[in-house]
Amino acid sequence: MTFNDIFKSSFLENITSVNLLDMCISMVLAFGIGLFIFLIYKKTYSGVMYSSSFGVTLVALTMISTLVILAVTSNVVLSLGMVGALSIVRFRTAIKEPLDIAFLFWSIAVGIVLASGMIPLAVIGSVVIGIILLVFVNRKSHSNPYIVVVSCEGNDSEKRAIEYVKAQTLRCVTKGKTVQKNQIELNLEIRLKEDNTDFINALSEMDGVNSAVLVSYNGDYMG
């Protein structure tokens, strides 16, 4: 080992470890596919509050994953250090929608595949995944579940209200019942015959019924 070898730095040598053309192509494709993932997320979002920052995160995550994998594939020693560095990273943000996890993994997977040079797999796979999500997520059910909250005064009005709701819907199941002095509150899960909610108006005007509320229900929240 000579004196020059002791102070020799591999920093300048790493500059040419990644081909400039390959890097540009990978980053441009990562941005394009990340933007495609963002558009699919925007089209298929069915939550309560849409977050545009999460959509931008999908684009950035695709490009960042590509950047990291390009560095890892160019240097074996760097890959070991990168694994150790990323293992201490902890994310505290809660994922509210289960489908958001799929989009996060989609973005990361595309970045890894692109940086590995498998461009057809990344492009064709993303198109297929996007079409599947558009078809299945946006598919509307013919019998959306609803919850009817009825407040009535006695047993007679309760029976009339339940019989009327059963006659106007495909399915009616009692989910909850709260009884107080001179007041009964019913929670009924129903399936509508058609997209018409006028029967709630007639239900609220029945004798002994104080109020009737109809809300959509998806199993997680009502609104």
C-alpha atoms as a PDB file:
ATOM      1  CA  MET A   1       0.000   0.000   0.000  1.00  0.00           C
ATOM      2  CA  THR A   2       1.451   3.345  -1.016  1.00  0.00           C
ATOM      3  CA  PHE A   3       0.999   6.776   0.505  1.00  0.00           C
ATOM      4  CA  ASN A   4      -1.442   7.688  -2.237  1.00  0.00           C
ATOM      5  CA  ASP A   5      -3.540   4.597  -1.570  1.00  0.00           C
ATOM      6  CA  ILE A   6      -4.067   5.671   2.039  1.00  0.00           C
ATOM      7  CA  PHE A   7      -5.613   8.995   1.055  1.00  0.00           C
ATOM      8  CA  LYS A   8      -7.287   7.678  -2.051  1.00  0.00           C
ATOM      9  CA  SER A   9     -11.001   8.389  -2.023  1.00  0.00           C
ATOM     10  CA  SER A  10     -13.601   6.334  -3.819  1.00  0.00           C
ATOM     11  CA  PHE A  11     -15.983   9.280  -3.957  1.00  0.00           C
ATOM     12  CA  LEU A  12     -14.922  10.347  -7.441  1.00  0.00           C
ATOM     13  CA  GLU A  13     -14.989   6.750  -8.622  1.00  0.00           C
ATOM     14  CA  ASN A  14     -18.619   6.386  -7.525  1.00  0.00           C
ATOM     15  CA  ILE A  15     -19.645   9.230  -9.808  1.00  0.00           C
ATOM     16  CA  THR A  16     -19.413   6.977 -12.843  1.00  0.00           C
ATOM     17  CA  SER A  17     -20.762   3.863 -11.135  1.00  0.00           C
ATOM     18  CA  VAL A  18     -24.265   4.627 -12.437  1.00  0.00           C
ATOM     19  CA  ASN A  19     -24.711   5.342 -16.127  1.00  0.00           C
ATOM     20  CA  LEU A  20     -26.150   8.816 -16.653  1.00  0.00           C
ATOM     21  CA  LEU A  21     -28.481   7.718 -19.447  1.00  0.00           C
ATOM     22  CA  ASP A  22     -29.842   4.818 -17.385  1.00  0.00           C
ATOM     23  CA  MET A  23     -30.411   7.139 -14.446  1.00  0.00           C
ATOM     24  CA  CYS A  24     -32.316   9.690 -16.555  1.00  0.00           C
ATOM     25  CA  ILE A  25     -34.484   7.037 -18.198  1.00  0.00           C
ATOM     26  CA  SER A  26     -35.285   5.397 -14.856  1.00  0.00           C
ATOM     27  CA  MET A  27     -36.207   8.676 -13.141  1.00  0.00           C
ATOM     28  CA  VAL A  28     -38.364   9.873 -16.043  1.00  0.00           C
ATOM     29  CA  LEU A  29     -40.216   6.564 -16.163  1.00  0.00           C
ATOM     30  CA  ALA A  30     -40.569   6.597 -12.378  1.00  0.00           C
ATOM     31  CA  PHE A  31     -42.175  10.023 -12.556  1.00  0.00           C
ATOM     32  CA  GLY A  32     -44.515   8.940 -15.367  1.00  0.00           C
ATOM     33  CA  ILE A  33     -45.653   5.734 -13.680  1.00  0.00           C
ATOM     34  CA  GLY A  34     -45.869   7.508 -10.319  1.00  0.00           C
ATOM     35  CA  LEU A  35     -48.155  10.077 -11.927  1.00  0.00           C
ATOM     36  CA  PHE A  36     -50.234   7.221 -13.356  1.00  0.00           C
ATOM     37  CA  ILE A  37     -50.521   5.703  -9.863  1.00  0.00           C
ATOM     38  CA  PHE A  38     -51.588   9.100  -8.520  1.00  0.00           C
ATOM     39  CA  LEU A  39     -54.345   9.398 -11.155  1.00  0.00           C
ATOM     40  CA  ILE A  40     -55.604   5.880 -10.401  1.00  0.00           C
ATOM     41  CA  TYR A  41     -55.649   6.727  -6.695  1.00  0.00           C
ATOM     42  CA  LYS A  42     -57.632   9.888  -7.407  1.00  0.00           C
ATOM     43  CA  LYS A  43     -60.155   8.025  -9.575  1.00  0.00           C
ATOM     44  CA  THR A  44     -60.667   5.139  -7.156  1.00  0.00           C
ATOM     45  CA  TYR A  45     -60.675   7.065  -3.867  1.00  0.00           C
ATOM     46  CA  SER A  46     -63.880   6.403  -1.933  1.00  0.00           C
ATOM     47  CA  GLY A  47     -63.000   7.662   1.541  1.00  0.00           C
ATOM     48  CA  VAL A  48     -64.395  10.606   3.469  1.00  0.00           C
ATOM     49  CA  MET A  49     -61.637  13.222   3.088  1.00  0.00           C
ATOM     50  CA  TYR A  50     -59.464  13.185  -0.032  1.00  0.00           C
ATOM     51  CA  SER A  51     -55.815  14.025   0.661  1.00  0.00           C
ATOM     52  CA  SER A  52     -53.928  15.449  -2.313  1.00  0.00           C
ATOM     53  CA  SER A  53     -50.671  15.267  -0.342  1.00  0.00           C
ATOM     54  CA  PHE A  54     -50.947  11.472  -0.226  1.00  0.00           C
ATOM     55  CA  GLY A  55     -51.257  11.397  -4.015  1.00  0.00           C
ATOM     56  CA  VAL A  56     -48.114  13.505  -4.365  1.00  0.00           C
ATOM     57  CA  THR A  57     -46.419  11.160  -1.899  1.00  0.00           C
ATOM     58  CA  LEU A  58     -47.085   8.244  -4.248  1.00  0.00           C
ATOM     59  CA  VAL A  59     -45.229  10.016  -7.064  1.00  0.00           C
ATOM     60  CA  ALA A  60     -42.335  10.951  -4.787  1.00  0.00           C
ATOM     61  CA  LEU A  61     -42.163   7.461  -3.294  1.00  0.00           C
ATOM     62  CA  THR A  62     -41.864   5.885  -6.741  1.00  0.00           C
ATOM     63  CA  MET A  63     -38.971   8.164  -7.666  1.00  0.00           C
ATOM     64  CA  ILE A  64     -37.243   7.784  -4.297  1.00  0.00           C
ATOM     65  CA  SER A  65     -37.458   3.978  -4.485  1.00  0.00           C
ATOM     66  CA  THR A  66     -35.920   4.104  -7.952  1.00  0.00           C
ATOM     67  CA  LEU A  67     -33.125   6.358  -6.722  1.00  0.00           C
ATOM     68  CA  VAL A  68     -32.318   4.127  -3.758  1.00  0.00           C
ATOM     69  CA  ILE A  69     -32.289   0.895  -5.778  1.00  0.00           C
ATOM     70  CA  LEU A  70     -30.073   2.478  -8.442  1.00  0.00           C
ATOM     71  CA  ALA A  71     -27.542   3.274  -5.734  1.00  0.00           C
ATOM     72  CA  VAL A  72     -27.834  -0.164  -4.156  1.00  0.00           C
ATOM     73  CA  THR A  73     -27.360  -2.064  -7.424  1.00  0.00           C
ATOM     74  CA  SER A  74     -24.239  -0.053  -8.283  1.00  0.00           C
ATOM     75  CA  ASN A  75     -22.335  -0.834  -5.079  1.00  0.00           C
ATOM     76  CA  VAL A  76     -22.568  -3.968  -2.930  1.00  0.00           C
ATOM     77  CA  VAL A  77     -20.950  -2.308   0.086  1.00  0.00           C
ATOM     78  CA  LEU A  78     -23.372   0.606  -0.175  1.00  0.00           C
ATOM     79  CA  SER A  79     -26.309  -1.793  -0.288  1.00  0.00           C
ATOM     80  CA  LEU A  80     -25.337  -3.243   3.106  1.00  0.00           C
ATOM     81  CA  GLY A  81     -25.034   0.206   4.619  1.00  0.00           C
ATOM     82  CA  MET A  82     -28.350   1.257   3.070  1.00  0.00           C
ATOM     83  CA  VAL A  83     -30.137  -1.695   4.649  1.00  0.00           C
ATOM     84  CA  GLY A  84     -28.764  -0.759   8.056  1.00  0.00           C
ATOM     85  CA  ALA A  85     -29.694   2.891   7.631  1.00  0.00           C
ATOM     86  CA  LEU A  86     -33.247   2.200   6.471  1.00  0.00           C
ATOM     87  CA  SER A  87     -33.833  -0.340   9.246  1.00  0.00           C
ATOM     88  CA  ILE A  88     -33.875   2.444  11.859  1.00  0.00           C
ATOM     89  CA  VAL A  89     -36.503   4.505  10.038  1.00  0.00           C
ATOM     90  CA  ARG A  90     -39.890   4.477  11.724  1.00  0.00           C
ATOM     91  CA  PHE A  91     -43.107   5.940  10.293  1.00  0.00           C
ATOM     92  CA  ARG A  92     -45.785   7.108  12.727  1.00  0.00           C
ATOM     93  CA  THR A  93     -48.465   8.165  10.238  1.00  0.00           C
ATOM     94  CA  ALA A  94     -51.573   5.993  10.519  1.00  0.00           C
ATOM     95  CA  ILE A  95     -53.037   4.533   7.336  1.00  0.00           C
ATOM     96  CA  LYS A  96     -56.787   5.167   7.516  1.00  0.00           C
ATOM     97  CA  GLU A  97     -57.874   3.413   4.313  1.00  0.00           C
ATOM     98  CA  PRO A  98     -56.791  -0.216   3.706  1.00  0.00           C
ATOM     99  CA  LEU A  99     -56.532   0.457  -0.028  1.00  0.00           C
ATOM    100  CA  ASP A 100     -53.889   3.131   0.631  1.00  0.00           C
ATOM    101  CA  ILE A 101     -51.484   0.374   1.709  1.00  0.00           C
ATOM    102  CA  ALA A 102     -51.831  -1.229  -1.720  1.00  0.00           C
ATOM    103  CA  PHE A 103     -50.942   2.066  -3.414  1.00  0.00           C
ATOM    104  CA  LEU A 104     -47.888   2.502  -1.189  1.00  0.00           C
ATOM    105  CA  PHE A 105     -46.607  -0.969  -1.995  1.00  0.00           C
ATOM    106  CA  TRP A 106     -47.402  -0.391  -5.668  1.00  0.00           C
ATOM    107  CA  SER A 107     -45.237   2.742  -5.732  1.00  0.00           C
ATOM    108  CA  ILE A 108     -42.342   1.030  -3.949  1.00  0.00           C
ATOM    109  CA  ALA A 109     -42.544  -2.053  -6.176  1.00  0.00           C
ATOM    110  CA  VAL A 110     -42.500   0.049  -9.357  1.00  0.00           C
ATOM    111  CA  GLY A 111     -39.418   1.923  -8.136  1.00  0.00           C
ATOM    112  CA  ILE A 112     -37.602  -1.337  -7.403  1.00  0.00           C
ATOM    113  CA  VAL A 113     -38.536  -2.932 -10.735  1.00  0.00           C
ATOM    114  CA  LEU A 114     -37.586   0.156 -12.762  1.00  0.00           C
ATOM    115  CA  ALA A 115     -34.208   0.510 -11.074  1.00  0.00           C
ATOM    116  CA  SER A 116     -33.567  -3.171 -11.766  1.00  0.00           C
ATOM    117  CA  GLY A 117     -33.942  -2.507 -15.493  1.00  0.00           C
ATOM    118  CA  MET A 118     -37.190  -4.464 -15.971  1.00  0.00           C
ATOM    119  CA  ILE A 119     -39.016  -1.626 -17.685  1.00  0.00           C
ATOM    120  CA  PRO A 120     -41.664  -3.707 -19.552  1.00  0.00           C
ATOM    121  CA  LEU A 121     -42.624  -5.418 -16.291  1.00  0.00           C
ATOM    122  CA  ALA A 122     -43.052  -2.066 -14.531  1.00  0.00           C
ATOM    123  CA  VAL A 123     -45.086  -0.484 -17.342  1.00  0.00           C
ATOM    124  CA  ILE A 124     -47.316  -3.425 -18.261  1.00  0.00           C
ATOM    125  CA  GLY A 125     -47.771  -4.460 -14.639  1.00  0.00           C
ATOM    126  CA  SER A 126     -48.831  -0.945 -13.637  1.00  0.00           C
ATOM    127  CA  VAL A 127     -51.338  -0.746 -16.481  1.00  0.00           C
ATOM    128  CA  VAL A 128     -52.871  -4.098 -15.517  1.00  0.00           C
ATOM    129  CA  ILE A 129     -53.059  -3.153 -11.828  1.00  0.00           C
ATOM    130  CA  GLY A 130     -54.596   0.216 -12.677  1.00  0.00           C
ATOM    131  CA  ILE A 131     -57.295  -1.360 -14.862  1.00  0.00           C
ATOM    132  CA  ILE A 132     -58.148  -3.925 -12.185  1.00  0.00           C
ATOM    133  CA  LEU A 133     -58.469  -1.212  -9.532  1.00  0.00           C
ATOM    134  CA  LEU A 134     -60.653   0.939 -11.775  1.00  0.00           C
ATOM    135  CA  VAL A 135     -62.975  -1.982 -12.503  1.00  0.00           C
ATOM    136  CA  PHE A 136     -63.360  -3.393  -9.003  1.00  0.00           C
ATOM    137  CA  VAL A 137     -63.098  -0.311  -6.775  1.00  0.00           C
ATOM    138  CA  ASN A 138     -65.520   1.807  -8.812  1.00  0.00           C
ATOM    139  CA  ARG A 139     -68.035  -0.999  -9.176  1.00  0.00           C
ATOM    140  CA  LYS A 140     -71.268   0.001  -7.530  1.00  0.00           C
ATOM    141  CA  SER A 141     -73.303  -2.446  -5.544  1.00  0.00           C
ATOM    142  CA  HIS A 142     -76.960  -2.848  -6.521  1.00  0.00           C
ATOM    143  CA  SER A 143     -78.057  -3.004  -2.880  1.00  0.00           C
ATOM    144  CA  ASN A 144     -76.122  -0.490  -0.834  1.00  0.00           C
ATOM    145  CA  PRO A 145     -76.631  -0.868   2.929  1.00  0.00           C
ATOM    146  CA  TYR A 146     -78.308   1.906   4.894  1.00  0.00           C
ATOM    147  CA  ILE A 147     -79.148   2.497   8.524  1.00  0.00           C
ATOM    148  CA  VAL A 148     -82.548   3.919   9.499  1.00  0.00           C
ATOM    149  CA  VAL A 149     -82.762   5.538  12.937  1.00  0.00           C
ATOM    150  CA  VAL A 150     -86.392   5.815  14.046  1.00  0.00           C
ATOM    151  CA  SER A 151     -87.585   7.531  17.213  1.00  0.00           C
ATOM    152  CA  CYS A 152     -91.135   6.582  18.196  1.00  0.00           C
ATOM    153  CA  GLU A 153     -93.384   6.851  21.267  1.00  0.00           C
ATOM    154  CA  GLY A 154     -94.685   3.353  22.043  1.00  0.00           C
ATOM    155  CA  ASN A 155     -94.993  -0.284  21.063  1.00  0.00           C
ATOM    156  CA  ASP A 156     -97.838   0.301  18.597  1.00  0.00           C
ATOM    157  CA  SER A 157     -95.941   3.004  16.702  1.00  0.00           C
ATOM    158  CA  GLU A 158     -92.824   0.806  16.761  1.00  0.00           C
ATOM    159  CA  LYS A 159     -94.640  -2.088  15.116  1.00  0.00           C
ATOM    160  CA  ARG A 160     -96.196   0.169  12.471  1.00  0.00           C
ATOM    161  CA  ALA A 161     -92.852   1.742  11.687  1.00  0.00           C
ATOM    162  CA  ILE A 162     -91.091  -1.627  11.309  1.00  0.00           C
ATOM    163  CA  GLU A 163     -93.877  -3.054   9.145  1.00  0.00           C
ATOM    164  CA  TYR A 164     -93.815   0.022   6.913  1.00  0.00           C
ATOM    165  CA  VAL A 165     -90.030  -0.088   6.498  1.00  0.00           C
ATOM    166  CA  LYS A 166     -90.124  -3.815   5.669  1.00  0.00           C
ATOM    167  CA  ALA A 167     -92.780  -3.180   3.022  1.00  0.00           C
ATOM    168  CA  GLN A 168     -90.705  -0.441   1.385  1.00  0.00           C
ATOM    169  CA  THR A 169     -87.313  -2.225   1.361  1.00  0.00           C
ATOM    170  CA  LEU A 170     -85.769  -5.484   0.191  1.00  0.00           C
ATOM    171  CA  ARG A 171     -84.316  -6.345   3.589  1.00  0.00           C
ATOM    172  CA  CYS A 172     -84.804  -4.955   7.065  1.00  0.00           C
ATOM    173  CA  VAL A 173     -82.924  -6.143  10.151  1.00  0.00           C
ATOM    174  CA  THR A 174     -83.044  -4.618  13.629  1.00  0.00           C
ATOM    175  CA  LYS A 175     -79.491  -3.749  14.677  1.00  0.00           C
ATOM    176  CA  GLY A 176     -80.211  -1.901  17.903  1.00  0.00           C
ATOM    177  CA  LYS A 177     -83.001  -0.736  20.177  1.00  0.00           C
ATOM    178  CA  THR A 178     -82.900   1.901  22.910  1.00  0.00           C
ATOM    179  CA  VAL A 179     -85.873   2.237  25.249  1.00  0.00           C
ATOM    180  CA  GLN A 180     -86.489   5.239  27.473  1.00  0.00           C
ATOM    181  CA  LYS A 181     -89.580   6.491  29.199  1.00  0.00           C
ATOM    182  CA  ASN A 182     -92.240   7.096  26.529  1.00  0.00           C
ATOM    183  CA  GLN A 183     -89.621   6.864  23.772  1.00  0.00           C
ATOM    184  CA  ILE A 184     -88.127   4.060  21.681  1.00  0.00           C
ATOM    185  CA  GLU A 185     -85.205   4.425  19.300  1.00  0.00           C
ATOM    186  CA  LEU A 186     -84.624   1.771  16.622  1.00  0.00           C
ATOM    187  CA  ASN A 187     -81.564   1.167  14.430  1.00  0.00           C
ATOM    188  CA  LEU A 188     -82.585  -0.749  11.318  1.00  0.00           C
ATOM    189  CA  GLU A 189     -80.240  -2.004   8.593  1.00  0.00           C
ATOM    190  CA  ILE A 190     -82.012  -1.963   5.250  1.00  0.00           C
ATOM    191  CA  ARG A 191     -81.477  -2.615   1.528  1.00  0.00           C
ATOM    192  CA  LEU A 192     -83.371  -0.353  -0.827  1.00  0.00           C
ATOM    193  CA  LYS A 193     -85.504  -1.709  -3.663  1.00  0.00           C
ATOM    194  CA  GLU A 194     -84.447   1.197  -5.856  1.00  0.00           C
ATOM    195  CA  ASP A 195     -82.549   4.437  -5.507  1.00  0.00           C
ATOM    196  CA  ASN A 196     -85.467   6.249  -3.883  1.00  0.00           C
ATOM    197  CA  THR A 197     -85.561   7.453  -0.275  1.00  0.00           C
ATOM    198  CA  ASP A 198     -88.960   9.162  -0.262  1.00  0.00           C
ATOM    199  CA  PHE A 199     -90.338   6.543   2.119  1.00  0.00           C
ATOM    200  CA  ILE A 200     -88.353   8.213   4.929  1.00  0.00           C
ATOM    201  CA  ASN A 201     -90.521  11.314   4.521  1.00  0.00           C
ATOM    202  CA  ALA A 202     -93.689   9.279   4.917  1.00  0.00           C
ATOM    203  CA  LEU A 203     -92.189   7.378   7.843  1.00  0.00           C
ATOM    204  CA  SER A 204     -91.405  10.571   9.739  1.00  0.00           C
ATOM    205  CA  GLU A 205     -95.036  11.746   9.292  1.00  0.00           C
ATOM    206  CA  MET A 206     -96.596   8.584  10.750  1.00  0.00           C
ATOM    207  CA  ASP A 207     -98.482   8.855  14.013  1.00  0.00           C
ATOM    208  CA  GLY A 208     -96.259   8.165  17.004  1.00  0.00           C
ATOM    209  CA  VAL A 209     -93.006   8.641  15.057  1.00  0.00           C
ATOM    210  CA  ASN A 210     -90.996  11.630  16.265  1.00  0.00           C
ATOM    211  CA  SER A 211     -88.139  11.444  13.760  1.00  0.00           C
ATOM    212  CA  ALA A 212     -86.616   9.225  11.081  1.00  0.00           C
ATOM    213  CA  VAL A 213     -83.026   9.449   9.848  1.00  0.00           C
ATOM    214  CA  LEU A 214     -81.464   7.589   6.907  1.00  0.00           C
ATOM    215  CA  VAL A 215     -77.658   7.307   6.618  1.00  0.00           C
ATOM    216  CA  SER A 216     -75.401   5.221   4.381  1.00  0.00           C
ATOM    217  CA  TYR A 217     -73.377   2.480   6.029  1.00  0.00           C
ATOM    218  CA  ASN A 218     -70.222   0.743   4.827  1.00  0.00           C
ATOM    219  CA  GLY A 219     -69.299  -1.252   7.908  1.00  0.00           C
ATOM    220  CA  ASP A 220     -66.697   1.237   9.244  1.00  0.00           C
ATOM    221  CA  TYR A 221     -68.496   4.529   9.564  1.00  0.00           C
ATOM    222  CA  MET A 222     -71.783   6.189   8.837  1.00  0.00           C
ATOM    223  CA  GLY A 223     -72.138   9.334   6.785  1.00  0.00           C
END
